[in-house]
């Protein structure tokens, strides 16, 4: 039997399972083939250009308060002040749920991260971050899809998942990937069919649920329904709350904990374009950070022992201007902040090459200068979680420097 025929047979058997026409032993074999206890890589994209200088404020920089007279956070220990990380940096108080991860060393921060060839266009910056080829708009696939193509992993329907309505640019490519708004809504309308042709059922799935390659998604639909993955409750006392990012990360945790073979997951969170009324310890930005911090903390707690094999990278397309504008907000900038979380991270520190907010230290005298290429952080995560060795195959034309955060020994 050819490789194509074997794959076609397995997919057809998956379809028969959804129709209730496959023997029990074959259904169990198909389910077992997708089990995995390997590592997982999770990407969270903050769309809109998140203000790294407020998320991780350089409260020890003498130029910080002059640049942001109404947006600067108070020093650590003051009412509404930043939470102390080290002599220079603090953490926005809305991110207090992440402090235990920082203290245990499973949260690392990369400040002043960005891509070369600065663009202040949301569309272009997001495209370059997700294609992994800054300055080149003709790249057809995403960096994370290229990474998956070169990684060993389970051949399950849930190996690569985006928990958001459409497949993100970083996952576009030849490696199969599935997109869903949520596990609970990821199903065929009307429930499993008792009769009828596979083609008709498949066509219905395409029309209503698919956002990427059809057969892979049909297999995922079958597995999600049979295992009732969307009903799996949080573990270890984790409480997610109602925010969309919390519900998305809860679904990612369900997939990791249920052992369906998830290797890569991506999701996003909007609302970071703070031109007007950004706020300091309270306000527009604080509300978004409160949702993000609580969701990430719940995710780590929910995973329990699987946290040791999971890595989360939180990124954005660019930062904001060093100085606040006339509307008590910030405009499109250059470098921002990245979070890297997980059991293998050598965290508890701020890395990245932050240079300062003095006029001569800024990029074009207005933006935080780039100290670390975003691709260095992404490559470090992909190498650790996916076992990759050749960065040029994932990020063409890019040669990583030394370690950014490194691995926990």
Protein backbone atom coordinates (compact mmCIF):
# COMPACT_ATOMS: atom_id res chain seq x y z
CA UNK A 1 0.00 0.00 0.00
CA UNK A 2 1.47 3.39 -0.98
CA UNK A 3 2.09 6.18 1.54
CA UNK A 4 -0.78 8.09 -0.04
CA UNK A 5 -3.09 5.09 0.18
CA UNK A 6 -2.21 4.49 3.84
CA UNK A 7 -2.88 8.11 4.72
CA UNK A 8 -6.13 8.06 2.74
CA UNK A 9 -7.15 4.89 4.57
CA UNK A 10 -6.48 6.40 7.99
CA UNK A 11 -8.44 9.51 7.12
CA UNK A 12 -11.30 7.45 5.75
CA UNK A 13 -11.29 5.34 8.90
CA UNK A 14 -11.49 8.56 10.91
CA UNK A 15 -14.50 9.60 8.89
CA UNK A 16 -16.13 6.20 9.47
CA UNK A 17 -15.54 6.65 13.18
CA UNK A 18 -17.47 9.91 13.09
CA UNK A 19 -20.28 8.11 11.28
CA UNK A 20 -20.33 5.31 13.84
CA UNK A 21 -19.34 2.72 11.23
CA UNK A 22 -15.84 1.79 12.37
CA UNK A 23 -15.07 -1.19 14.64
CA UNK A 24 -14.21 -0.30 18.22
CA UNK A 25 -10.68 -1.68 18.02
CA UNK A 26 -9.90 0.57 15.04
CA UNK A 27 -11.31 3.60 16.79
CA UNK A 28 -9.11 2.88 19.80
CA UNK A 29 -6.08 2.42 17.57
CA UNK A 30 -6.72 5.71 15.80
CA UNK A 31 -7.05 7.51 19.13
CA UNK A 32 -3.88 5.92 20.48
CA UNK A 33 -1.92 6.98 17.40
CA UNK A 34 -2.45 10.63 18.30
CA UNK A 35 -1.36 10.38 21.94
CA UNK A 36 1.73 12.34 22.88
CA UNK A 37 3.61 13.26 26.00
CA UNK A 38 6.02 15.58 24.18
CA UNK A 39 6.68 19.27 24.47
CA UNK A 40 4.25 21.99 23.45
CA UNK A 41 4.93 25.47 22.08
CA UNK A 42 2.23 28.13 22.51
CA UNK A 43 2.30 31.55 20.79
CA UNK A 44 0.17 34.45 22.03
CA UNK A 45 0.14 37.48 19.70
CA UNK A 46 -0.91 40.84 21.18
CA UNK A 47 -2.27 42.65 18.13
CA UNK A 48 -2.16 46.42 17.99
CA UNK A 49 1.34 47.20 19.22
CA UNK A 50 1.49 46.64 22.97
CA UNK A 51 3.29 49.29 25.04
CA UNK A 52 6.28 47.47 26.49
CA UNK A 53 7.36 50.58 28.40
CA UNK A 54 4.17 50.37 30.46
CA UNK A 55 3.95 46.57 30.65
CA UNK A 56 7.49 46.33 32.04
CA UNK A 57 8.26 49.96 32.93
CA UNK A 58 11.89 51.01 33.39
CA UNK A 59 11.10 52.75 36.69
CA UNK A 60 14.80 52.99 37.49
CA UNK A 61 15.60 54.93 34.30
CA UNK A 62 15.98 58.65 35.13
CA UNK A 63 14.42 59.60 31.78
CA UNK A 64 11.27 57.50 32.23
CA UNK A 65 9.07 59.98 34.10
CA UNK A 66 10.11 62.94 31.99
CA UNK A 67 9.01 61.07 28.86
CA UNK A 68 5.66 60.09 30.36
CA UNK A 69 4.42 62.68 32.83
CA UNK A 70 0.88 61.24 33.08
CA UNK A 71 1.46 57.61 32.05
CA UNK A 72 4.50 56.74 34.18
CA UNK A 73 3.82 54.27 36.96
CA UNK A 74 4.82 55.10 40.50
CA UNK A 75 7.94 53.40 41.88
CA UNK A 76 7.60 50.02 43.59
CA UNK A 77 6.18 50.30 47.09
CA UNK A 78 4.09 53.37 46.28
CA UNK A 79 0.33 53.32 45.90
CA UNK A 80 -0.48 51.97 42.43
CA UNK A 81 3.21 51.51 41.78
CA UNK A 82 5.00 49.01 39.61
CA UNK A 83 5.91 45.62 41.06
CA UNK A 84 9.66 45.40 41.53
CA UNK A 85 11.57 43.03 39.25
CA UNK A 86 15.11 44.43 39.63
CA UNK A 87 16.88 47.76 40.08
CA UNK A 88 15.69 49.06 36.69
CA UNK A 89 12.45 47.32 35.78
CA UNK A 90 9.06 46.81 37.35
CA UNK A 91 5.97 44.89 36.30
CA UNK A 92 2.63 46.59 35.70
CA UNK A 93 0.48 45.94 38.80
CA UNK A 94 -2.30 44.47 36.64
CA UNK A 95 0.09 41.59 35.94
CA UNK A 96 0.45 40.68 39.62
CA UNK A 97 -0.81 37.10 38.98
CA UNK A 98 2.43 36.48 37.07
CA UNK A 99 4.71 37.35 39.99
CA UNK A 100 4.73 33.78 41.39
CA UNK A 101 5.97 32.52 38.01
CA UNK A 102 8.66 35.20 37.99
CA UNK A 103 9.79 34.23 41.48
CA UNK A 104 9.92 30.52 40.69
CA UNK A 105 11.91 31.27 37.54
CA UNK A 106 9.40 30.10 34.92
CA UNK A 107 8.74 33.61 33.57
CA UNK A 108 11.46 35.42 31.68
CA UNK A 109 11.16 38.85 30.07
CA UNK A 110 12.90 40.11 26.94
CA UNK A 111 12.80 43.90 26.76
CA UNK A 112 13.60 46.07 23.74
CA UNK A 113 12.67 43.28 21.29
CA UNK A 114 11.82 44.11 17.71
CA UNK A 115 12.52 43.41 14.05
CA UNK A 116 15.08 45.25 11.89
CA UNK A 117 13.85 47.57 9.16
CA UNK A 118 11.36 49.32 11.38
CA UNK A 119 7.85 49.83 10.08
CA UNK A 120 5.06 51.50 12.03
CA UNK A 121 2.32 49.93 9.92
CA UNK A 122 0.28 47.37 11.86
CA UNK A 123 -0.31 45.31 8.74
CA UNK A 124 3.31 45.20 7.61
CA UNK A 125 4.74 44.70 11.09
CA UNK A 126 2.41 41.81 11.86
CA UNK A 127 3.11 40.27 8.47
CA UNK A 128 6.87 40.44 9.02
CA UNK A 129 6.62 39.03 12.55
CA UNK A 130 4.54 36.11 11.32
CA UNK A 131 6.39 35.39 8.08
CA UNK A 132 9.72 35.72 9.87
CA UNK A 133 11.19 37.60 6.91
CA UNK A 134 11.21 41.32 7.79
CA UNK A 135 11.26 43.56 4.75
CA UNK A 136 10.13 40.79 2.39
CA UNK A 137 6.43 40.79 1.57
CA UNK A 138 6.54 37.94 -0.94
CA UNK A 139 7.07 35.14 1.61
CA UNK A 140 4.21 32.70 1.12
CA UNK A 141 4.32 30.75 4.38
CA UNK A 142 4.70 31.51 8.08
CA UNK A 143 7.76 30.88 10.22
CA UNK A 144 5.91 28.59 12.60
CA UNK A 145 4.59 26.43 9.79
CA UNK A 146 8.12 26.08 8.43
CA UNK A 147 9.26 25.05 11.90
CA UNK A 148 6.55 22.39 12.16
CA UNK A 149 7.49 20.99 8.75
CA UNK A 150 10.99 20.31 10.02
CA UNK A 151 10.06 18.93 13.44
CA UNK A 152 9.34 15.37 14.41
CA UNK A 153 5.98 14.98 16.04
CA UNK A 154 2.72 13.05 16.33
CA UNK A 155 0.58 12.62 13.24
CA UNK A 156 -2.63 13.63 14.97
CA UNK A 157 -5.38 16.01 13.91
CA UNK A 158 -4.61 18.31 16.84
CA UNK A 159 -0.85 18.51 16.35
CA UNK A 160 -1.02 22.17 15.21
CA UNK A 161 -3.96 24.30 16.34
CA UNK A 162 -4.96 27.96 16.27
CA UNK A 163 -7.62 28.84 18.84
CA UNK A 164 -9.02 31.83 16.98
CA UNK A 165 -11.50 32.21 14.12
CA UNK A 166 -8.97 32.13 11.28
CA UNK A 167 -5.54 30.62 10.79
CA UNK A 168 -2.84 33.17 11.70
CA UNK A 169 -0.22 34.08 9.13
CA UNK A 170 2.52 32.32 11.12
CA UNK A 171 0.77 28.94 10.63
CA UNK A 172 0.08 29.25 6.90
CA UNK A 173 2.01 26.70 4.85
CA UNK A 174 2.34 23.07 3.85
CA UNK A 175 2.12 21.61 7.36
CA UNK A 176 -1.53 20.84 8.24
CA UNK A 177 -3.07 23.11 10.86
CA UNK A 178 -6.53 23.53 12.31
CA UNK A 179 -8.25 26.77 13.35
CA UNK A 180 -11.26 27.00 15.65
CA UNK A 181 -12.97 29.74 17.63
CA UNK A 182 -13.30 27.34 20.55
CA UNK A 183 -13.41 23.63 21.28
CA UNK A 184 -17.02 23.92 22.38
CA UNK A 185 -18.09 25.34 19.01
CA UNK A 186 -15.84 23.05 16.99
CA UNK A 187 -18.38 20.52 15.77
CA UNK A 188 -20.55 19.53 12.88
CA UNK A 189 -24.00 21.13 13.00
CA UNK A 190 -26.78 18.76 13.98
CA UNK A 191 -24.44 16.27 15.64
CA UNK A 192 -23.02 13.06 14.16
CA UNK A 193 -24.82 11.83 11.08
CA UNK A 194 -26.32 8.35 11.16
CA UNK A 195 -26.26 7.84 7.42
CA UNK A 196 -25.25 9.48 4.18
CA UNK A 197 -22.06 9.80 2.23
CA UNK A 198 -18.78 11.00 3.68
CA UNK A 199 -18.54 13.60 0.93
CA UNK A 200 -21.75 15.29 2.05
CA UNK A 201 -20.70 15.35 5.70
CA UNK A 202 -17.25 16.62 4.76
CA UNK A 203 -18.71 19.37 2.58
CA UNK A 204 -20.90 20.49 5.47
CA UNK A 205 -17.85 20.69 7.72
CA UNK A 206 -16.00 22.75 5.15
CA UNK A 207 -18.83 25.23 4.93
CA UNK A 208 -19.29 25.70 8.66
CA UNK A 209 -16.13 24.94 10.59
CA UNK A 210 -13.03 24.72 8.45
CA UNK A 211 -10.47 27.45 8.26
CA UNK A 212 -7.64 25.40 6.74
CA UNK A 213 -6.96 21.95 5.22
CA UNK A 214 -10.20 20.02 5.10
CA UNK A 215 -9.40 16.41 5.92
CA UNK A 216 -7.20 17.28 8.90
CA UNK A 217 -9.99 19.43 10.31
CA UNK A 218 -12.55 16.69 9.79
CA UNK A 219 -10.37 14.32 11.81
CA UNK A 220 -10.08 16.96 14.52
CA UNK A 221 -13.86 17.36 14.55
CA UNK A 222 -14.24 13.64 15.11
CA UNK A 223 -11.72 13.55 17.94
CA UNK A 224 -13.09 16.65 19.68
CA UNK A 225 -16.61 15.29 19.62
CA UNK A 226 -15.78 11.76 20.73
CA UNK A 227 -13.56 12.88 23.60
CA UNK A 228 -15.81 15.81 24.62
CA UNK A 229 -12.68 17.92 24.91
CA UNK A 230 -14.64 21.15 25.20
CA UNK A 231 -16.12 19.95 28.50
CA UNK A 232 -12.86 19.09 30.26
CA UNK A 233 -12.79 21.19 33.47
CA UNK A 234 -9.67 23.04 34.69
CA UNK A 235 -7.33 21.18 37.03
CA UNK A 236 -5.40 22.14 40.15
CA UNK A 237 -7.91 24.80 41.17
CA UNK A 238 -7.28 26.97 38.11
CA UNK A 239 -9.90 29.66 37.47
CA UNK A 240 -9.87 31.27 34.05
CA UNK A 241 -12.57 33.92 34.14
CA UNK A 242 -14.71 35.12 31.24
CA UNK A 243 -12.18 37.05 29.11
CA UNK A 244 -11.79 35.74 25.54
CA UNK A 245 -8.04 35.19 25.99
CA UNK A 246 -8.76 33.15 29.12
CA UNK A 247 -11.23 30.93 27.27
CA UNK A 248 -8.78 30.42 24.42
CA UNK A 249 -5.93 29.45 26.72
CA UNK A 250 -8.28 27.15 28.61
CA UNK A 251 -8.94 25.31 25.35
CA UNK A 252 -5.20 25.04 24.67
CA UNK A 253 -4.74 23.59 28.16
CA UNK A 254 -7.53 21.09 27.47
CA UNK A 255 -5.74 19.90 24.36
CA UNK A 256 -2.40 19.58 26.15
CA UNK A 257 -3.82 17.78 29.18
CA UNK A 258 -6.00 15.39 27.18
CA UNK A 259 -2.99 13.96 25.34
CA UNK A 260 -4.35 14.32 21.80
CA UNK A 261 -0.87 15.15 20.49
CA UNK A 262 -0.84 18.95 20.54
CA UNK A 263 2.64 20.21 19.67
CA UNK A 264 2.02 23.79 18.57
CA UNK A 265 -0.80 26.21 19.43
CA UNK A 266 -1.35 29.85 18.57
CA UNK A 267 -3.88 32.44 19.62
CA UNK A 268 -4.14 36.21 19.71
CA UNK A 269 -5.57 39.09 21.70
CA UNK A 270 -6.52 42.49 20.31
CA UNK A 271 -7.01 45.92 21.85
CA UNK A 272 -3.41 47.10 22.28
CA UNK A 273 -3.46 50.19 20.01
CA UNK A 274 -3.47 52.81 22.78
CA UNK A 275 -3.33 56.17 21.00
CA UNK A 276 -5.80 57.83 23.37
CA UNK A 277 -6.35 57.48 27.12
CA UNK A 278 -3.91 54.63 27.69
CA UNK A 279 -3.93 55.01 31.47
CA UNK A 280 -1.31 54.19 34.05
CA UNK A 281 -2.05 51.76 36.89
CA UNK A 282 -5.71 51.89 35.88
CA UNK A 283 -7.41 52.44 32.55
CA UNK A 284 -7.51 50.97 29.07
CA UNK A 285 -4.13 49.24 29.08
CA UNK A 286 -4.49 48.00 32.65
CA UNK A 287 -7.77 46.30 31.76
CA UNK A 288 -6.15 44.34 28.95
CA UNK A 289 -3.17 43.41 31.10
CA UNK A 290 -5.45 42.23 33.89
CA UNK A 291 -7.13 39.81 31.48
CA UNK A 292 -3.82 38.61 30.06
CA UNK A 293 -2.09 38.13 33.40
CA UNK A 294 -4.98 36.22 34.95
CA UNK A 295 -5.29 33.99 31.87
CA UNK A 296 -1.60 33.11 31.74
CA UNK A 297 -1.48 32.37 35.47
CA UNK A 298 -4.54 30.12 35.23
CA UNK A 299 -3.04 28.34 32.22
CA UNK A 300 0.17 27.54 34.12
CA UNK A 301 -1.78 26.31 37.14
CA UNK A 302 -4.16 24.24 35.03
CA UNK A 303 -1.33 22.37 33.30
CA UNK A 304 0.21 21.15 36.55
CA UNK A 305 3.04 18.73 35.70
CA UNK A 306 2.63 19.45 31.96
CA UNK A 307 3.86 23.00 32.61
CA UNK A 308 7.38 21.57 32.69
CA UNK A 309 7.08 20.59 29.02
CA UNK A 310 5.26 23.71 27.82
CA UNK A 311 6.65 27.02 26.61
CA UNK A 312 4.56 30.13 25.99
CA UNK A 313 5.85 33.11 24.01
CA UNK A 314 3.88 36.37 24.22
CA UNK A 315 4.75 38.89 21.51
CA UNK A 316 3.47 41.95 19.67
CA UNK A 317 4.23 43.56 16.32
CA UNK A 318 5.92 46.70 17.69
CA UNK A 319 6.06 48.92 20.74
CA UNK A 320 4.94 52.48 21.40
CA UNK A 321 6.73 55.81 21.40
CA UNK A 322 8.93 56.58 24.38
CA UNK A 323 7.11 59.86 24.98
CA UNK A 324 3.37 60.04 25.53
CA UNK A 325 1.33 62.06 23.05
CA UNK A 326 -1.10 64.94 23.61
CA UNK A 327 -4.02 62.55 24.10
CA UNK A 328 -2.46 60.78 27.09
CA UNK A 329 -1.68 57.83 24.88
CA UNK A 330 1.26 56.57 22.85
CA UNK A 331 1.81 56.25 19.12
CA UNK A 332 3.31 53.48 17.01
CA UNK A 333 6.90 52.76 17.96
CA UNK A 334 9.60 50.17 17.41
CA UNK A 335 10.84 47.86 20.17
CA UNK A 336 8.56 46.34 22.81
CA UNK A 337 8.59 43.52 25.35
CA UNK A 338 8.20 39.73 25.05
CA UNK A 339 7.28 37.23 27.76
CA UNK A 340 8.61 33.68 27.71
CA UNK A 341 6.99 31.30 30.17
CA UNK A 342 7.30 27.60 30.96
CA UNK A 343 9.06 24.97 32.97
CA UNK A 344 12.19 24.91 30.83
CA UNK A 345 12.74 28.68 30.81
CA UNK A 346 15.61 30.17 32.76
CA UNK A 347 13.45 33.03 33.93
CA UNK A 348 13.32 35.43 36.83
CA UNK A 349 15.27 38.04 34.91
CA UNK A 350 14.93 40.73 32.26
CA UNK A 351 17.11 40.19 29.17
CA UNK A 352 17.20 41.88 25.81
CA UNK A 353 19.66 44.75 25.66
CA UNK A 354 17.60 47.72 26.88
CA UNK A 355 19.59 50.91 26.22
CA UNK A 356 17.58 53.62 27.92
CA UNK A 357 15.21 56.48 27.13
CA UNK A 358 17.66 59.35 26.75
CA UNK A 359 17.27 61.19 23.45
CA UNK A 360 20.54 59.86 22.07
CA UNK A 361 19.64 56.31 23.12
CA UNK A 362 16.33 56.27 21.26
CA UNK A 363 15.75 55.10 17.72
CA UNK A 364 15.17 58.18 15.55
CA UNK A 365 14.97 60.13 18.84
CA UNK A 366 11.46 58.82 19.48
CA UNK A 367 11.32 55.03 19.95
CA UNK A 368 12.87 52.47 22.25
CA UNK A 369 15.83 51.07 20.31
CA UNK A 370 15.91 47.38 19.43
CA UNK A 371 18.25 45.39 21.64
CA UNK A 372 17.17 41.88 20.61
CA UNK A 373 15.78 40.57 17.35
CA UNK A 374 12.35 38.99 17.88
CA UNK A 375 13.49 36.03 15.77
CA UNK A 376 16.18 35.18 18.32
CA UNK A 377 13.53 34.66 20.98
CA UNK A 378 11.25 32.70 18.65
CA UNK A 379 14.10 30.52 17.43
CA UNK A 380 15.21 29.78 20.99
CA UNK A 381 11.69 28.60 21.79
CA UNK A 382 11.34 26.55 18.59
CA UNK A 383 14.70 24.90 19.12
CA UNK A 384 13.84 23.95 22.70
CA UNK A 385 10.31 22.72 22.06
CA UNK A 386 10.53 21.27 18.56
CA UNK A 387 14.08 19.96 18.59
CA UNK A 388 15.21 22.03 15.60
CA UNK A 389 18.82 22.75 14.74
CA UNK A 390 18.87 24.80 11.52
CA UNK A 391 17.61 28.34 12.06
CA UNK A 392 18.02 29.28 8.39
CA UNK A 393 15.28 26.86 7.37
CA UNK A 394 12.82 28.61 9.68
CA UNK A 395 14.09 32.19 9.38
CA UNK A 396 15.76 32.55 5.96
CA UNK A 397 18.76 34.86 5.97
CA UNK A 398 18.85 35.13 9.75
CA UNK A 399 21.67 33.92 11.99
CA UNK A 400 20.85 33.86 15.71
CA UNK A 401 23.34 35.28 18.12
CA UNK A 402 23.96 33.93 21.61
CA UNK A 403 21.36 32.72 24.05
CA UNK A 404 18.65 35.23 25.01
CA UNK A 405 17.13 33.63 28.12
CA UNK A 406 18.57 30.15 27.85
CA UNK A 407 17.36 26.84 29.23
CA UNK A 408 16.89 25.80 32.79
CA UNK A 409 19.50 23.21 33.74
